[in-house]
Amino acid sequence: MQLVITGTSSGIGHGLAEEFLARGDQVWGMSRRAAVELARNDRYRHLQLDLTDYEEVSRRVPDFLAGVSRFDLVILNAGVLGQIRWMSEVDVEEMKRGMEINVWANKVLLDLLFEQGKDVRQVVGMSTKASLRS
């Protein structure tokens, strides 16, 4: 399989990349920080960038994914949760930041994949910490 996984520098994204690589799959990972351990695997390609920098995403992702016409799976894992509080206690700027990475960055990336003519078979959207309670 050929996969794109966001948020591969740590957490669930890192673990998923490790698992798919162990199965012999080809993984294209994206995250703000380097994924040093994963980069040792020749079936792993990494692009270090902030997915909320839409201009940078539009400029760099097409070259990163050049030559690949089909992805069996795209896992949109990069995200932020912040503290779980009543909405009335959350600053609007904090909410905007969460929406920026959890929603709009995913839309920009998916739009770009489709604009580039990539055949994407399945998309999974998730958040690493959404199941945790404080």
C-alpha atoms as a PDB file:
ATOM      1  CA  MET A   1       0.000   0.000   0.000  1.00  0.00           C
ATOM      2  CA  GLN A   2       0.937   3.622  -0.461  1.00  0.00           C
ATOM      3  CA  LEU A   3      -0.092   6.000   2.313  1.00  0.00           C
ATOM      4  CA  VAL A   4       0.061   9.622   3.375  1.00  0.00           C
ATOM      5  CA  ILE A   5       0.055  10.196   7.133  1.00  0.00           C
ATOM      6  CA  THR A   6       0.158  13.606   8.790  1.00  0.00           C
ATOM      7  CA  GLY A   7       1.572  14.129  12.263  1.00  0.00           C
ATOM      8  CA  THR A   8       4.219  11.404  11.991  1.00  0.00           C
ATOM      9  CA  SER A   9       6.824  12.956  14.302  1.00  0.00           C
ATOM     10  CA  SER A  10       5.180  11.551  17.448  1.00  0.00           C
ATOM     11  CA  GLY A  11       2.148   9.876  18.952  1.00  0.00           C
ATOM     12  CA  ILE A  12      -0.370   7.869  16.983  1.00  0.00           C
ATOM     13  CA  GLY A  13       0.858   9.206  13.624  1.00  0.00           C
ATOM     14  CA  HIS A  14       4.357   7.960  14.388  1.00  0.00           C
ATOM     15  CA  GLY A  15       3.024   4.612  15.586  1.00  0.00           C
ATOM     16  CA  LEU A  16       0.843   4.172  12.506  1.00  0.00           C
ATOM     17  CA  ALA A  17       3.768   4.956  10.223  1.00  0.00           C
ATOM     18  CA  GLU A  18       5.911   2.392  12.055  1.00  0.00           C
ATOM     19  CA  GLU A  19       3.215  -0.257  11.714  1.00  0.00           C
ATOM     20  CA  PHE A  20       2.599   0.319   8.009  1.00  0.00           C
ATOM     21  CA  LEU A  21       6.339   0.338   7.318  1.00  0.00           C
ATOM     22  CA  ALA A  22       6.705  -2.951   9.223  1.00  0.00           C
ATOM     23  CA  ARG A  23       4.057  -4.387   6.894  1.00  0.00           C
ATOM     24  CA  GLY A  24       6.146  -3.363   3.892  1.00  0.00           C
ATOM     25  CA  ASP A  25       4.059  -0.365   2.854  1.00  0.00           C
ATOM     26  CA  GLN A  26       5.340   2.932   1.429  1.00  0.00           C
ATOM     27  CA  VAL A  27       4.618   5.924   3.688  1.00  0.00           C
ATOM     28  CA  TRP A  28       4.797   9.640   2.913  1.00  0.00           C
ATOM     29  CA  GLY A  29       4.753  11.453   6.263  1.00  0.00           C
ATOM     30  CA  MET A  30       4.284  15.111   7.061  1.00  0.00           C
ATOM     31  CA  SER A  31       4.788  16.906  10.360  1.00  0.00           C
ATOM     32  CA  ARG A  32       6.196  20.088  11.899  1.00  0.00           C
ATOM     33  CA  ARG A  33       9.078  18.210  13.481  1.00  0.00           C
ATOM     34  CA  ALA A  34      11.458  15.713  11.925  1.00  0.00           C
ATOM     35  CA  ALA A  35      10.642  12.011  12.178  1.00  0.00           C
ATOM     36  CA  VAL A  36      14.239  10.864  12.655  1.00  0.00           C
ATOM     37  CA  GLU A  37      13.581   7.209  13.498  1.00  0.00           C
ATOM     38  CA  LEU A  38      11.163   6.749  10.610  1.00  0.00           C
ATOM     39  CA  ALA A  39      13.548   8.406   8.154  1.00  0.00           C
ATOM     40  CA  ARG A  40      15.938   5.479   8.607  1.00  0.00           C
ATOM     41  CA  ASN A  41      13.489   3.302   6.667  1.00  0.00           C
ATOM     42  CA  ASP A  42      13.904   3.512   2.884  1.00  0.00           C
ATOM     43  CA  ARG A  43      10.118   3.162   2.381  1.00  0.00           C
ATOM     44  CA  TYR A  44       9.475   6.336   4.366  1.00  0.00           C
ATOM     45  CA  ARG A  45       9.551   9.829   2.880  1.00  0.00           C
ATOM     46  CA  HIS A  46       9.161  12.851   5.133  1.00  0.00           C
ATOM     47  CA  LEU A  47       8.211  16.459   4.558  1.00  0.00           C
ATOM     48  CA  GLN A  48       8.761  18.757   7.496  1.00  0.00           C
ATOM     49  CA  LEU A  49       6.323  21.650   7.379  1.00  0.00           C
ATOM     50  CA  ASP A  50       3.558  23.393   9.265  1.00  0.00           C
ATOM     51  CA  LEU A  51       0.288  22.297   7.647  1.00  0.00           C
ATOM     52  CA  THR A  52      -1.327  25.612   8.627  1.00  0.00           C
ATOM     53  CA  ASP A  53       1.115  27.470   6.371  1.00  0.00           C
ATOM     54  CA  TYR A  54      -1.090  27.018   3.314  1.00  0.00           C
ATOM     55  CA  GLU A  55       1.247  28.778   0.896  1.00  0.00           C
ATOM     56  CA  GLU A  56       4.102  26.495   1.934  1.00  0.00           C
ATOM     57  CA  VAL A  57       1.840  23.431   1.665  1.00  0.00           C
ATOM     58  CA  SER A  58       0.773  24.459  -1.851  1.00  0.00           C
ATOM     59  CA  ARG A  59       4.378  25.085  -2.854  1.00  0.00           C
ATOM     60  CA  ARG A  60       6.093  22.032  -1.353  1.00  0.00           C
ATOM     61  CA  VAL A  61       3.600  19.151  -1.264  1.00  0.00           C
ATOM     62  CA  PRO A  62       3.274  18.714  -5.057  1.00  0.00           C
ATOM     63  CA  ASP A  63       7.036  18.142  -5.412  1.00  0.00           C
ATOM     64  CA  PHE A  64       7.054  15.867  -2.366  1.00  0.00           C
ATOM     65  CA  LEU A  65       4.353  13.641  -3.862  1.00  0.00           C
ATOM     66  CA  ALA A  66       5.512  13.910  -7.480  1.00  0.00           C
ATOM     67  CA  GLY A  67       5.506  10.640  -9.362  1.00  0.00           C
ATOM     68  CA  VAL A  68       2.821   9.034  -7.201  1.00  0.00           C
ATOM     69  CA  SER A  69      -0.574   8.803  -8.850  1.00  0.00           C
ATOM     70  CA  ARG A  70      -2.450   6.718  -6.265  1.00  0.00           C
ATOM     71  CA  PHE A  71      -2.671   6.597  -2.497  1.00  0.00           C
ATOM     72  CA  ASP A  72      -4.537   3.695  -0.947  1.00  0.00           C
ATOM     73  CA  LEU A  73      -4.984   5.566   2.309  1.00  0.00           C
ATOM     74  CA  VAL A  74      -4.589   9.135   3.571  1.00  0.00           C
ATOM     75  CA  ILE A  75      -4.589   9.439   7.364  1.00  0.00           C
ATOM     76  CA  LEU A  76      -5.167  13.003   8.565  1.00  0.00           C
ATOM     77  CA  ASN A  77      -3.776  12.689  12.072  1.00  0.00           C
ATOM     78  CA  ALA A  78      -2.029  16.031  12.726  1.00  0.00           C
ATOM     79  CA  GLY A  79      -4.017  18.078  15.164  1.00  0.00           C
ATOM     80  CA  VAL A  80      -4.320  19.873  18.478  1.00  0.00           C
ATOM     81  CA  LEU A  81      -6.774  19.460  21.315  1.00  0.00           C
ATOM     82  CA  GLY A  82      -5.873  21.966  23.994  1.00  0.00           C
ATOM     83  CA  GLN A  83      -7.463  21.888  27.409  1.00  0.00           C
ATOM     84  CA  ILE A  84     -10.984  20.519  27.676  1.00  0.00           C
ATOM     85  CA  ARG A  85     -13.097  23.302  29.135  1.00  0.00           C
ATOM     86  CA  TRP A  86     -16.506  24.851  28.744  1.00  0.00           C
ATOM     87  CA  MET A  87     -16.733  26.759  25.472  1.00  0.00           C
ATOM     88  CA  SER A  88     -17.400  29.978  27.405  1.00  0.00           C
ATOM     89  CA  GLU A  89     -13.962  29.563  29.027  1.00  0.00           C
ATOM     90  CA  VAL A  90     -12.049  29.159  25.768  1.00  0.00           C
ATOM     91  CA  ASP A  91     -10.513  32.183  24.081  1.00  0.00           C
ATOM     92  CA  VAL A  92     -11.602  32.694  20.459  1.00  0.00           C
ATOM     93  CA  GLU A  93      -7.977  32.732  19.293  1.00  0.00           C
ATOM     94  CA  GLU A  94      -7.389  29.329  20.888  1.00  0.00           C
ATOM     95  CA  MET A  95     -10.465  27.965  19.117  1.00  0.00           C
ATOM     96  CA  LYS A  96      -9.309  29.440  15.811  1.00  0.00           C
ATOM     97  CA  ARG A  97      -5.930  27.732  16.186  1.00  0.00           C
ATOM     98  CA  GLY A  98      -7.613  24.398  16.819  1.00  0.00           C
ATOM     99  CA  MET A  99      -9.868  24.784  13.790  1.00  0.00           C
ATOM    100  CA  GLU A 100      -6.911  25.869  11.670  1.00  0.00           C
ATOM    101  CA  ILE A 101      -5.015  22.597  12.103  1.00  0.00           C
ATOM    102  CA  ASN A 102      -7.897  20.194  12.807  1.00  0.00           C
ATOM    103  CA  VAL A 103     -10.190  21.278   9.981  1.00  0.00           C
ATOM    104  CA  TRP A 104      -8.846  23.793   7.469  1.00  0.00           C
ATOM    105  CA  ALA A 105      -5.350  22.316   7.085  1.00  0.00           C
ATOM    106  CA  ASN A 106      -6.936  18.959   6.256  1.00  0.00           C
ATOM    107  CA  LYS A 107      -9.187  20.581   3.662  1.00  0.00           C
ATOM    108  CA  VAL A 108      -6.253  22.376   2.046  1.00  0.00           C
ATOM    109  CA  LEU A 109      -4.210  19.161   1.876  1.00  0.00           C
ATOM    110  CA  LEU A 110      -7.069  17.078   0.469  1.00  0.00           C
ATOM    111  CA  ASP A 111      -7.956  19.762  -2.078  1.00  0.00           C
ATOM    112  CA  LEU A 112      -4.331  19.819  -3.190  1.00  0.00           C
ATOM    113  CA  LEU A 113      -4.195  16.027  -3.570  1.00  0.00           C
ATOM    114  CA  PHE A 114      -7.315  16.048  -5.729  1.00  0.00           C
ATOM    115  CA  GLU A 115      -6.173  19.092  -7.751  1.00  0.00           C
ATOM    116  CA  GLN A 116      -2.951  17.205  -8.485  1.00  0.00           C
ATOM    117  CA  GLY A 117      -5.035  14.325  -9.863  1.00  0.00           C
ATOM    118  CA  LYS A 118      -4.066  11.864  -7.121  1.00  0.00           C
ATOM    119  CA  ASP A 119      -6.286   8.786  -6.935  1.00  0.00           C
ATOM    120  CA  VAL A 120      -7.086   8.664  -3.212  1.00  0.00           C
ATOM    121  CA  ARG A 121      -8.899   5.456  -2.273  1.00  0.00           C
ATOM    122  CA  GLN A 122      -9.682   6.140   1.390  1.00  0.00           C
ATOM    123  CA  VAL A 123      -9.357   9.056   3.829  1.00  0.00           C
ATOM    124  CA  VAL A 124      -9.337   8.719   7.614  1.00  0.00           C
ATOM    125  CA  GLY A 125      -9.565  11.814   9.786  1.00  0.00           C
ATOM    126  CA  MET A 126      -8.592  11.484  13.412  1.00  0.00           C
ATOM    127  CA  SER A 127      -7.165  13.344  16.367  1.00  0.00           C
ATOM    128  CA  THR A 128      -4.517  11.820  18.599  1.00  0.00           C
ATOM    129  CA  LYS A 129      -5.836  13.149  21.911  1.00  0.00           C
ATOM    130  CA  ALA A 130      -9.564  13.483  21.277  1.00  0.00           C
ATOM    131  CA  SER A 131     -10.343  10.446  23.426  1.00  0.00           C
ATOM    132  CA  LEU A 132      -8.482  11.680  26.505  1.00  0.00           C
ATOM    133  CA  ARG A 133     -10.312  13.331  29.378  1.00  0.00           C
ATOM    134  CA  SER A 134      -8.843  15.826  31.788  1.00  0.00           C
END
